[in-house]
Amino acid sequence: MKLRMLAAALLLAMSDAGASSVQSTAFTYQGSLRANGQPADGFYDMSFTLYDAATGGNVVGAPQAIAQYPVVGGQFTIDLDFPGTFTGQQRWIEVAIGGQTLLPRQAVNTVPVAQFALNGVIGPPGATGATGPTGATGANGSTGATGATGPTGIDGPRGGDGPAGATGATGATGSTGPQGATGATGATGTTGVNGATGATGATGPSGVVQVIPVAANLDPIAKSPVFVFATPTYSVTVSGASKHVTATLAASLQYASGVANPIDIGVCYADASGTATPFNFFYANAMASTTVQTYTVPGSVLLAPGTWTIGLCALHSSTNPLIGTMTGYIMVTQ
């Protein structure tokens, strides 16, 4: 929409307050607005900005914005107020309607500017008046006569000595004196003699006596309430004196079918007849399923002289047999 300001008038705002009231700084602005060549009708967003030049220049005072102000038959009348901005210099108002700036700016003429005379502005100081004549100096009074000297008085008797005063309080402790000089360095002691060389220790017993590598397929391990060997087993002979037997066995086990079930895996030993129940000296609790899982069980025991059966043993409660492989080693040491 093309807007055009045809004419504008500035009127002094009249106050209905009594004679003792302060003069208002507001003034009335009247404008004629056309939209697309026709007198405008409706509500428009308006803004009014005061400048110190007809073009360019600086904004003077705070711009005033009025939303949805009525325009009837192309005419509108509105009160504006820019307090303290009219100080005798020429001012111009720039109008914007609906965000569209209407040019040229309107000069603010005599009536609002005349308010400067009502603002109590002090005029320039008048000329300094002439200095008045200096007054006469008053007469000095006469000096009075000096009075006669009075007689000398007689000394009174000397008083006796008063009693001794009380002992004063103990004074504060003085500051710490400076540090004394460093004493001379003491004499260096004599060097001690070397001690005698210790005797050579006895030779220890030999270490490993026997190592048996283990790698085998396991026979199916049936359900059993006690530990049973998972064949094959290995024979170990202990001679002379009791010896340590150490084993580390790894078993890869699974159920051929069925569901997961808890199992105990261990390293066991029994006497040569094999009739005794295997005794495990280390075992692991695990959960076996139809997926292959590897269980590692180490152990160590002191065995008396004789022939012993060593091997992997297991205990489980499933009706499905365990199958798998075994690897590791069995070692006899002193």
Protein backbone atom coordinates (compact mmCIF):
# COMPACT_ATOMS: atom_id res chain seq x y z
CA MET A 1 0.00 0.00 0.00
CA LYS A 2 1.39 3.41 -0.94
CA LEU A 3 0.88 6.04 1.79
CA ARG A 4 1.37 9.78 1.39
CA MET A 5 1.13 12.61 3.93
CA LEU A 6 -0.62 15.56 2.31
CA ALA A 7 -0.45 18.13 5.09
CA ALA A 8 0.36 18.46 8.77
CA ALA A 9 -0.22 21.07 11.42
CA LEU A 10 1.26 21.56 14.88
CA LEU A 11 -0.92 23.08 17.60
CA LEU A 12 -0.08 24.02 21.18
CA ALA A 13 -1.77 21.65 23.67
CA MET A 14 -4.03 23.62 25.99
CA SER A 15 -4.04 22.69 29.70
CA ASP A 16 -7.22 23.04 31.80
CA ALA A 17 -5.19 23.28 35.07
CA GLY A 18 -5.28 26.45 37.22
CA ALA A 19 -2.86 29.31 36.89
CA SER A 20 -0.52 27.80 39.50
CA SER A 21 -0.05 24.51 37.52
CA VAL A 22 3.14 23.84 35.52
CA GLN A 23 2.79 24.37 31.73
CA SER A 24 2.43 21.02 29.85
CA THR A 25 5.21 20.13 27.34
CA ALA A 26 2.78 18.24 25.06
CA PHE A 27 1.58 19.62 21.71
CA THR A 28 -1.04 18.52 19.17
CA TYR A 29 -0.11 17.12 15.75
CA GLN A 30 -2.71 17.04 12.93
CA GLY A 31 -2.09 15.11 9.71
CA SER A 32 -3.83 14.33 6.42
CA LEU A 33 -3.12 10.81 5.09
CA ARG A 34 -3.92 9.27 1.70
CA ALA A 35 -3.60 5.58 0.82
CA ASN A 36 -3.31 4.64 -2.89
CA GLY A 37 -4.46 8.09 -3.86
CA GLN A 38 -7.62 8.02 -1.66
CA PRO A 39 -8.28 9.49 1.82
CA ALA A 40 -7.21 6.81 4.32
CA ASP A 41 -9.69 5.17 6.75
CA GLY A 42 -8.82 2.62 9.44
CA PHE A 43 -6.36 1.95 12.23
CA TYR A 44 -2.62 2.39 11.62
CA ASP A 45 0.59 1.81 13.58
CA MET A 46 2.30 5.21 13.80
CA SER A 47 5.69 6.38 15.05
CA PHE A 48 7.04 9.93 15.48
CA THR A 49 10.77 10.74 15.73
CA LEU A 50 12.24 14.18 16.48
CA TYR A 51 15.43 15.24 14.61
CA ASP A 52 17.75 18.26 14.74
CA ALA A 53 17.93 18.51 10.90
CA ALA A 54 15.56 18.29 7.94
CA THR A 55 17.57 15.35 6.55
CA GLY A 56 20.14 13.15 8.27
CA GLY A 57 21.03 14.70 11.62
CA ASN A 58 20.55 13.25 15.08
CA VAL A 59 17.52 11.87 16.92
CA VAL A 60 16.44 14.21 19.74
CA GLY A 61 14.56 12.70 22.67
CA ALA A 62 12.83 9.31 22.70
CA PRO A 63 10.80 8.31 19.59
CA GLN A 64 7.08 7.81 20.24
CA ALA A 65 5.16 4.83 18.85
CA ILE A 66 1.35 4.54 18.87
CA ALA A 67 -0.27 1.27 17.78
CA GLN A 68 -3.54 1.11 15.80
CA TYR A 69 -4.37 4.82 15.86
CA PRO A 70 -7.64 5.74 14.03
CA VAL A 71 -7.64 7.72 10.73
CA VAL A 72 -11.07 8.94 9.53
CA GLY A 73 -11.57 10.46 6.08
CA GLY A 74 -7.82 10.84 5.74
CA GLN A 75 -7.57 12.99 8.94
CA PHE A 76 -6.03 12.27 12.35
CA THR A 77 -5.14 14.37 15.39
CA ILE A 78 -2.71 13.14 18.05
CA ASP A 79 -0.89 14.59 21.09
CA LEU A 80 2.91 14.25 21.15
CA ASP A 81 5.38 14.99 23.94
CA PHE A 82 9.19 15.30 23.71
CA PRO A 83 10.03 16.75 27.17
CA GLY A 84 13.11 18.98 27.43
CA THR A 85 13.94 18.85 23.69
CA PHE A 86 12.78 22.36 22.70
CA THR A 87 15.61 24.62 23.89
CA GLY A 88 15.58 27.26 21.17
CA GLN A 89 16.93 25.22 18.23
CA GLN A 90 14.88 24.22 15.16
CA ARG A 91 13.43 20.67 15.26
CA TRP A 92 11.81 18.39 12.60
CA ILE A 93 9.34 15.49 13.03
CA GLU A 94 9.69 12.33 10.92
CA VAL A 95 6.46 10.26 10.62
CA ALA A 96 6.27 6.52 9.85
CA ILE A 97 2.91 4.80 9.14
CA GLY A 98 2.82 1.01 9.28
CA GLY A 99 6.63 0.91 9.12
CA GLN A 100 6.71 3.16 5.98
CA THR A 101 8.63 6.44 6.52
CA LEU A 102 6.83 9.47 5.02
CA LEU A 103 9.08 12.24 3.71
CA PRO A 104 9.87 15.07 3.91
CA ARG A 105 10.13 15.67 7.68
CA GLN A 106 7.79 18.30 9.14
CA ALA A 107 9.39 21.38 10.71
CA VAL A 108 8.27 22.14 14.28
CA ASN A 109 7.43 25.84 14.19
CA THR A 110 6.93 28.67 16.61
CA VAL A 111 4.32 27.48 19.09
CA PRO A 112 6.12 24.41 20.63
CA VAL A 113 9.46 26.20 20.53
CA ALA A 114 7.93 29.09 22.49
CA GLN A 115 7.68 26.72 25.47
CA PHE A 116 11.42 27.31 25.96
CA ALA A 117 10.51 30.68 27.45
CA LEU A 118 8.36 28.96 30.09
CA ASN A 119 11.00 26.52 31.27
CA GLY A 120 12.59 28.88 33.81
CA VAL A 121 15.85 29.29 31.85
CA ILE A 122 18.09 31.83 33.62
CA GLY A 123 19.25 34.80 31.52
CA PRO A 124 22.86 35.99 31.34
CA PRO A 125 24.17 37.81 34.48
CA GLY A 126 24.03 41.67 34.52
CA ALA A 127 27.08 43.95 34.73
CA THR A 128 28.82 44.33 38.10
CA GLY A 129 27.75 47.53 39.97
CA ALA A 130 30.25 50.22 41.08
CA THR A 131 32.13 49.74 44.37
CA GLY A 132 30.78 51.89 47.21
CA PRO A 133 33.05 54.35 49.19
CA THR A 134 35.21 53.02 52.04
CA GLY A 135 33.96 54.01 55.53
CA ALA A 136 36.09 56.11 57.97
CA THR A 137 38.48 54.36 60.37
CA GLY A 138 37.42 54.55 64.02
CA ALA A 139 39.72 56.22 66.63
CA ASN A 140 41.96 54.03 68.82
CA GLY A 141 41.21 54.06 72.58
CA SER A 142 43.98 55.27 75.01
CA THR A 143 46.24 52.76 76.81
CA GLY A 144 45.51 52.39 80.52
CA ALA A 145 48.25 52.91 83.26
CA THR A 146 50.31 49.91 84.47
CA GLY A 147 49.28 48.74 87.94
CA ALA A 148 51.82 48.55 90.88
CA THR A 149 53.70 45.28 91.57
CA GLY A 150 52.30 43.31 94.49
CA PRO A 151 54.51 42.16 97.47
CA THR A 152 56.45 38.84 97.26
CA GLY A 153 54.80 36.04 99.23
CA ILE A 154 56.60 34.03 101.99
CA ASP A 155 57.53 30.40 101.19
CA GLY A 156 55.47 27.89 103.16
CA PRO A 157 57.07 25.01 105.15
CA ARG A 158 58.48 22.02 103.16
CA GLY A 159 56.30 18.96 103.36
CA GLY A 160 57.70 15.61 104.49
CA ASP A 161 58.46 12.76 102.07
CA GLY A 162 55.36 10.74 101.12
CA PRO A 163 55.21 6.92 101.41
CA ALA A 164 56.84 4.78 98.70
CA GLY A 165 54.59 3.92 95.79
CA ALA A 166 53.56 0.31 94.98
CA THR A 167 55.87 -1.83 92.83
CA GLY A 168 55.01 -1.56 89.12
CA ALA A 169 53.88 -4.56 87.03
CA THR A 170 56.51 -6.76 85.31
CA GLY A 171 57.42 -5.40 81.89
CA ALA A 172 56.71 -7.34 78.68
CA THR A 173 59.23 -10.00 77.54
CA GLY A 174 61.80 -8.59 75.12
CA SER A 175 62.10 -9.85 71.54
CA THR A 176 64.25 -12.92 70.75
CA GLY A 177 67.90 -12.09 70.23
CA PRO A 178 69.70 -12.89 66.95
CA GLN A 179 70.81 -16.47 66.24
CA GLY A 180 74.31 -17.35 67.42
CA ALA A 181 77.11 -18.25 65.05
CA THR A 182 77.29 -21.81 63.67
CA GLY A 183 79.62 -24.06 65.65
CA ALA A 184 82.69 -25.67 64.09
CA THR A 185 82.27 -28.94 62.18
CA GLY A 186 83.09 -32.04 64.22
CA ALA A 187 85.93 -34.36 63.28
CA THR A 188 85.27 -37.08 60.68
CA GLY A 189 85.09 -40.59 62.14
CA THR A 190 87.30 -43.43 60.90
CA THR A 191 86.07 -45.75 58.18
CA GLY A 192 84.74 -49.09 59.50
CA VAL A 193 86.23 -52.42 58.39
CA ASN A 194 84.37 -54.76 56.04
CA GLY A 195 82.54 -57.67 57.63
CA ALA A 196 83.45 -61.29 56.88
CA THR A 197 81.94 -62.99 53.83
CA GLY A 198 79.01 -65.27 54.68
CA ALA A 199 79.11 -68.99 54.04
CA THR A 200 77.65 -70.37 50.82
CA GLY A 201 74.15 -71.76 51.27
CA ALA A 202 73.40 -75.42 50.73
CA THR A 203 72.18 -76.51 47.32
CA GLY A 204 68.41 -76.91 47.25
CA PRO A 205 66.65 -80.04 46.02
CA SER A 206 66.00 -80.47 42.34
CA GLY A 207 62.78 -78.95 41.04
CA VAL A 208 60.52 -80.65 38.49
CA VAL A 209 60.47 -84.46 38.62
CA GLN A 210 57.84 -85.23 35.96
CA VAL A 211 55.69 -83.29 33.48
CA ILE A 212 52.77 -84.95 31.68
CA PRO A 213 51.19 -82.91 28.83
CA VAL A 214 47.43 -83.46 28.47
CA ALA A 215 45.39 -83.29 25.25
CA ALA A 216 42.49 -85.67 24.70
CA ASN A 217 38.85 -86.09 23.69
CA LEU A 218 36.61 -86.84 26.64
CA ASP A 219 34.23 -89.77 26.82
CA PRO A 220 30.62 -88.69 27.51
CA ILE A 221 30.27 -87.87 31.22
CA ALA A 222 27.04 -89.36 32.56
CA LYS A 223 24.86 -88.01 35.38
CA SER A 224 26.45 -88.64 38.79
CA PRO A 225 25.78 -87.33 42.35
CA VAL A 226 29.54 -87.55 43.14
CA PHE A 227 32.74 -86.63 41.28
CA VAL A 228 33.70 -89.17 38.61
CA PHE A 229 36.70 -89.16 36.28
CA ALA A 230 36.18 -87.91 32.74
CA THR A 231 38.46 -90.41 30.98
CA PRO A 232 41.25 -90.56 30.01
CA THR A 233 43.22 -90.43 33.31
CA TYR A 234 46.99 -90.31 33.92
CA SER A 235 49.16 -92.40 36.27
CA VAL A 236 51.69 -90.59 38.49
CA THR A 237 54.33 -92.41 40.63
CA VAL A 238 55.66 -90.70 43.79
CA SER A 239 58.87 -92.28 45.08
CA GLY A 240 61.33 -91.63 47.92
CA ALA A 241 59.29 -88.98 49.75
CA SER A 242 56.03 -87.12 49.42
CA LYS A 243 55.93 -84.79 46.42
CA HIS A 244 53.77 -81.96 45.18
CA VAL A 245 51.50 -82.72 42.24
CA THR A 246 50.28 -79.66 40.35
CA ALA A 247 47.78 -79.75 37.48
CA THR A 248 46.11 -77.17 35.26
CA LEU A 249 43.40 -78.61 33.01
CA ALA A 250 41.10 -76.83 30.57
CA ALA A 251 37.89 -78.56 29.47
CA SER A 252 35.71 -77.45 26.55
CA LEU A 253 32.29 -78.95 27.39
CA GLN A 254 28.70 -78.92 26.19
CA TYR A 255 25.49 -80.92 26.39
CA ALA A 256 24.60 -82.75 23.19
CA SER A 257 20.97 -81.70 23.73
CA GLY A 258 18.59 -80.50 26.41
CA VAL A 259 18.69 -77.41 28.58
CA ALA A 260 21.39 -75.63 30.62
CA ASN A 261 22.35 -77.30 33.88
CA PRO A 262 24.80 -76.50 36.71
CA ILE A 263 28.01 -78.58 36.82
CA ASP A 264 31.15 -78.86 39.01
CA ILE A 265 34.48 -79.32 37.20
CA GLY A 266 37.67 -80.29 39.07
CA VAL A 267 41.06 -82.03 39.15
CA CYS A 268 40.85 -85.31 41.10
CA TYR A 269 43.19 -88.06 42.32
CA ALA A 270 42.64 -91.67 43.51
CA ASP A 271 44.82 -94.63 44.54
CA ALA A 272 46.14 -97.10 41.95
CA SER A 273 43.21 -99.49 42.25
CA GLY A 274 40.83 -96.84 41.01
CA THR A 275 38.13 -98.21 43.28
CA ALA A 276 38.21 -95.29 45.68
CA THR A 277 36.02 -92.27 45.06
CA PRO A 278 38.07 -89.50 43.41
CA PHE A 279 38.90 -86.61 45.75
CA ASN A 280 38.99 -83.24 44.12
CA PHE A 281 41.54 -80.75 45.40
CA PHE A 282 40.17 -77.87 43.31
CA TYR A 283 36.92 -77.48 41.41
CA ALA A 284 34.81 -74.79 39.71
CA ASN A 285 31.03 -74.26 39.71
CA ALA A 286 29.63 -73.43 36.27
CA MET A 287 26.56 -73.64 34.06
CA ALA A 288 26.78 -75.94 31.02
CA SER A 289 24.51 -75.68 27.96
CA THR A 290 24.37 -76.94 24.37
CA THR A 291 26.93 -74.24 23.45
CA VAL A 292 30.60 -75.11 23.89
CA GLN A 293 32.17 -73.37 26.92
CA THR A 294 35.72 -73.67 28.25
CA TYR A 295 36.41 -74.13 31.98
CA THR A 296 39.95 -73.93 33.43
CA VAL A 297 40.69 -75.64 36.78
CA PRO A 298 44.15 -75.53 38.44
CA GLY A 299 45.12 -77.42 41.62
CA SER A 300 48.01 -78.61 43.79
CA VAL A 301 48.29 -81.39 46.44
CA LEU A 302 51.09 -83.14 48.44
CA LEU A 303 50.92 -86.89 47.72
CA ALA A 304 52.64 -89.68 49.68
CA PRO A 305 54.86 -92.25 47.92
CA GLY A 306 52.91 -94.60 45.69
CA THR A 307 51.10 -94.71 42.34
CA TRP A 308 48.18 -92.32 41.85
CA THR A 309 45.52 -91.74 39.21
CA ILE A 310 45.17 -88.05 38.20
CA GLY A 311 42.57 -86.57 35.83
CA LEU A 312 39.66 -84.28 35.10
CA CYS A 313 36.51 -85.07 37.07
CA ALA A 314 32.94 -83.75 36.99
CA LEU A 315 29.64 -83.85 38.84
CA HIS A 316 26.28 -82.96 37.26
CA SER A 317 22.59 -83.87 37.56
CA SER A 318 21.43 -83.77 33.94
CA THR A 319 20.32 -86.93 32.14
CA ASN A 320 22.09 -85.58 29.03
CA PRO A 321 25.77 -86.56 28.97
CA LEU A 322 28.54 -83.96 28.77
CA ILE A 323 30.91 -84.20 25.80
CA GLY A 324 34.07 -82.29 24.93
CA THR A 325 37.87 -82.08 24.96
CA MET A 326 40.60 -81.59 27.60
CA THR A 327 44.03 -79.90 27.43
CA GLY A 328 46.67 -78.84 29.98
CA TYR A 329 49.44 -80.46 32.01
CA ILE A 330 50.18 -82.49 35.19
CA MET A 331 53.53 -81.77 36.92
CA VAL A 332 55.34 -83.51 39.85
CA THR A 333 57.84 -81.40 41.84
CA GLN A 334 60.05 -82.02 44.92
